[in-house]
Amino acid sequence: MKRITLVATIALAGALGLAGCHGNGTKSAANGDQAAYEAAVAEAKAEQKKAKSVDGEWRDIGKFLKKADAAAKKGDYATATKLANKAAFQAKMGQEQAASQANVGNPSYLN
């Protein structure tokens, strides 16, 4: 149990640390560029597919993509790109988490 908590804490700390750096998106995204949004969505969907293949898909990835689509339909490509980037980030972190916990095993109380 302590091992799972430790791994989860490390993953969360890494996610928070990378989230601070992740906010520095491209300049075109700040201007609300449709092409940047479309590229971000394509990346997010590809990463989501990878995360799902290793059973590491996080709950909010789909929610962020739906919100990004809604923002894009309103013409707010800056917000849509940010949301798509969040979805891609979560997908990547889900993959890392799945890989780091692949051989953790059952807690001792289940043996």
C-alpha atoms as a PDB file:
ATOM      1  CA  MET A   1       0.000   0.000   0.000  1.00  0.00           C
ATOM      2  CA  LYS A   2       2.822   2.372   0.846  1.00  0.00           C
ATOM      3  CA  ARG A   3       4.447   1.603  -2.490  1.00  0.00           C
ATOM      4  CA  ILE A   4       1.310   2.505  -4.453  1.00  0.00           C
ATOM      5  CA  THR A   5       0.923   5.723  -2.469  1.00  0.00           C
ATOM      6  CA  LEU A   6       4.559   6.587  -3.086  1.00  0.00           C
ATOM      7  CA  VAL A   7       4.263   5.969  -6.832  1.00  0.00           C
ATOM      8  CA  ALA A   8       1.048   8.012  -6.998  1.00  0.00           C
ATOM      9  CA  THR A   9       2.702  10.851  -5.077  1.00  0.00           C
ATOM     10  CA  ILE A  10       5.712  10.835  -7.391  1.00  0.00           C
ATOM     11  CA  ALA A  11       3.456  10.807 -10.460  1.00  0.00           C
ATOM     12  CA  LEU A  12       1.413  13.701  -9.103  1.00  0.00           C
ATOM     13  CA  ALA A  13       4.496  15.716  -8.222  1.00  0.00           C
ATOM     14  CA  GLY A  14       5.882  15.137 -11.700  1.00  0.00           C
ATOM     15  CA  ALA A  15       2.578  16.120 -13.275  1.00  0.00           C
ATOM     16  CA  LEU A  16       2.419  19.328 -11.268  1.00  0.00           C
ATOM     17  CA  GLY A  17       6.020  20.148 -12.073  1.00  0.00           C
ATOM     18  CA  LEU A  18       5.519  19.599 -15.775  1.00  0.00           C
ATOM     19  CA  ALA A  19       2.228  21.466 -15.757  1.00  0.00           C
ATOM     20  CA  GLY A  20       4.072  24.611 -14.793  1.00  0.00           C
ATOM     21  CA  CYS A  21       6.333  24.282 -17.829  1.00  0.00           C
ATOM     22  CA  HIS A  22       3.518  23.113 -20.061  1.00  0.00           C
ATOM     23  CA  GLY A  23       1.697  26.419 -19.880  1.00  0.00           C
ATOM     24  CA  ASN A  24       4.226  28.045 -22.210  1.00  0.00           C
ATOM     25  CA  GLY A  25       2.426  27.087 -25.413  1.00  0.00           C
ATOM     26  CA  THR A  26       3.130  28.273 -28.907  1.00  0.00           C
ATOM     27  CA  LYS A  27       2.662  31.910 -29.842  1.00  0.00           C
ATOM     28  CA  SER A  28       0.124  30.968 -32.503  1.00  0.00           C
ATOM     29  CA  ALA A  29      -2.073  29.346 -29.846  1.00  0.00           C
ATOM     30  CA  ALA A  30      -2.152  32.619 -27.912  1.00  0.00           C
ATOM     31  CA  ASN A  31      -3.564  34.324 -30.985  1.00  0.00           C
ATOM     32  CA  GLY A  32      -6.332  31.796 -31.335  1.00  0.00           C
ATOM     33  CA  ASP A  33      -4.957  30.007 -34.387  1.00  0.00           C
ATOM     34  CA  GLN A  34      -7.254  27.306 -35.792  1.00  0.00           C
ATOM     35  CA  ALA A  35      -4.322  25.343 -37.232  1.00  0.00           C
ATOM     36  CA  ALA A  36      -2.638  25.210 -33.819  1.00  0.00           C
ATOM     37  CA  TYR A  37      -5.898  23.952 -32.312  1.00  0.00           C
ATOM     38  CA  GLU A  38      -6.257  21.237 -34.942  1.00  0.00           C
ATOM     39  CA  ALA A  39      -2.663  20.101 -34.391  1.00  0.00           C
ATOM     40  CA  ALA A  40      -3.186  20.033 -30.625  1.00  0.00           C
ATOM     41  CA  VAL A  41      -6.351  17.953 -30.977  1.00  0.00           C
ATOM     42  CA  ALA A  42      -4.629  15.510 -33.313  1.00  0.00           C
ATOM     43  CA  GLU A  43      -1.789  15.075 -30.824  1.00  0.00           C
ATOM     44  CA  ALA A  44      -4.194  14.704 -27.898  1.00  0.00           C
ATOM     45  CA  LYS A  45      -6.215  12.032 -29.671  1.00  0.00           C
ATOM     46  CA  ALA A  46      -3.083  10.112 -30.646  1.00  0.00           C
ATOM     47  CA  GLU A  47      -1.783  10.253 -27.069  1.00  0.00           C
ATOM     48  CA  GLN A  48      -5.216   9.252 -25.748  1.00  0.00           C
ATOM     49  CA  LYS A  49      -5.163   6.193 -27.991  1.00  0.00           C
ATOM     50  CA  LYS A  50      -1.692   5.239 -26.699  1.00  0.00           C
ATOM     51  CA  ALA A  51      -2.802   5.717 -23.098  1.00  0.00           C
ATOM     52  CA  LYS A  52      -5.863   3.567 -23.636  1.00  0.00           C
ATOM     53  CA  SER A  53      -3.725   0.802 -25.172  1.00  0.00           C
ATOM     54  CA  VAL A  54      -1.691   0.516 -21.949  1.00  0.00           C
ATOM     55  CA  ASP A  55      -4.708   0.945 -19.637  1.00  0.00           C
ATOM     56  CA  GLY A  56      -3.515   4.385 -18.597  1.00  0.00           C
ATOM     57  CA  GLU A  57      -6.313   6.585 -19.881  1.00  0.00           C
ATOM     58  CA  TRP A  58      -7.230   9.191 -17.293  1.00  0.00           C
ATOM     59  CA  ARG A  59     -10.831  10.163 -16.653  1.00  0.00           C
ATOM     60  CA  ASP A  60     -10.709  13.800 -17.760  1.00  0.00           C
ATOM     61  CA  ILE A  61      -9.024  13.394 -21.160  1.00  0.00           C
ATOM     62  CA  GLY A  62     -12.337  12.987 -22.963  1.00  0.00           C
ATOM     63  CA  LYS A  63     -13.895  15.828 -20.971  1.00  0.00           C
ATOM     64  CA  PHE A  64     -11.112  18.210 -21.992  1.00  0.00           C
ATOM     65  CA  LEU A  65     -11.477  17.205 -25.637  1.00  0.00           C
ATOM     66  CA  LYS A  66     -15.245  17.812 -25.551  1.00  0.00           C
ATOM     67  CA  LYS A  67     -14.747  21.224 -23.962  1.00  0.00           C
ATOM     68  CA  ALA A  68     -12.054  22.029 -26.531  1.00  0.00           C
ATOM     69  CA  ASP A  69     -14.438  21.117 -29.344  1.00  0.00           C
ATOM     70  CA  ALA A  70     -17.149  23.337 -27.862  1.00  0.00           C
ATOM     71  CA  ALA A  71     -14.726  26.266 -27.532  1.00  0.00           C
ATOM     72  CA  ALA A  72     -13.539  25.783 -31.111  1.00  0.00           C
ATOM     73  CA  LYS A  73     -17.110  25.811 -32.388  1.00  0.00           C
ATOM     74  CA  LYS A  74     -17.504  29.219 -30.721  1.00  0.00           C
ATOM     75  CA  GLY A  75     -14.322  30.405 -32.451  1.00  0.00           C
ATOM     76  CA  ASP A  76     -12.275  30.565 -29.227  1.00  0.00           C
ATOM     77  CA  TYR A  77      -9.258  28.697 -30.542  1.00  0.00           C
ATOM     78  CA  ALA A  78      -6.948  29.906 -27.778  1.00  0.00           C
ATOM     79  CA  THR A  79      -9.080  28.233 -25.100  1.00  0.00           C
ATOM     80  CA  ALA A  80      -9.675  25.216 -27.314  1.00  0.00           C
ATOM     81  CA  THR A  81      -5.937  24.762 -27.833  1.00  0.00           C
ATOM     82  CA  LYS A  82      -5.245  25.038 -24.104  1.00  0.00           C
ATOM     83  CA  LEU A  83      -7.845  22.363 -23.369  1.00  0.00           C
ATOM     84  CA  ALA A  84      -6.505  20.065 -26.083  1.00  0.00           C
ATOM     85  CA  ASN A  85      -2.998  20.508 -24.677  1.00  0.00           C
ATOM     86  CA  LYS A  86      -4.293  19.570 -21.213  1.00  0.00           C
ATOM     87  CA  ALA A  87      -5.843  16.424 -22.684  1.00  0.00           C
ATOM     88  CA  ALA A  88      -2.552  15.506 -24.387  1.00  0.00           C
ATOM     89  CA  PHE A  89      -0.632  16.148 -21.179  1.00  0.00           C
ATOM     90  CA  GLN A  90      -2.963  13.921 -19.165  1.00  0.00           C
ATOM     91  CA  ALA A  91      -2.693  11.187 -21.780  1.00  0.00           C
ATOM     92  CA  LYS A  92       1.108  11.287 -21.591  1.00  0.00           C
ATOM     93  CA  MET A  93       1.041  11.219 -17.800  1.00  0.00           C
ATOM     94  CA  GLY A  94      -1.399   8.300 -17.890  1.00  0.00           C
ATOM     95  CA  GLN A  95       1.025   6.382 -20.061  1.00  0.00           C
ATOM     96  CA  GLU A  96       3.873   7.105 -17.670  1.00  0.00           C
ATOM     97  CA  GLN A  97       1.772   6.091 -14.699  1.00  0.00           C
ATOM     98  CA  ALA A  98       0.741   2.819 -16.336  1.00  0.00           C
ATOM     99  CA  ALA A  99       4.366   2.026 -17.173  1.00  0.00           C
ATOM    100  CA  SER A 100       5.601   2.851 -13.669  1.00  0.00           C
ATOM    101  CA  GLN A 101       2.939   0.697 -12.031  1.00  0.00           C
ATOM    102  CA  ALA A 102       3.044  -2.232 -14.461  1.00  0.00           C
ATOM    103  CA  ASN A 103       4.823  -4.607 -12.063  1.00  0.00           C
ATOM    104  CA  VAL A 104       3.675  -3.276  -8.700  1.00  0.00           C
ATOM    105  CA  GLY A 105       1.674  -6.394  -7.798  1.00  0.00           C
ATOM    106  CA  ASN A 106      -1.062  -6.893  -5.258  1.00  0.00           C
ATOM    107  CA  PRO A 107      -1.046  -5.304  -1.829  1.00  0.00           C
ATOM    108  CA  SER A 108       0.065  -7.691   0.916  1.00  0.00           C
ATOM    109  CA  TYR A 109      -3.418  -7.881   2.418  1.00  0.00           C
ATOM    110  CA  LEU A 110      -4.739  -9.505  -0.785  1.00  0.00           C
ATOM    111  CA  ASN A 111      -2.184 -12.330  -0.811  1.00  0.00           C
END
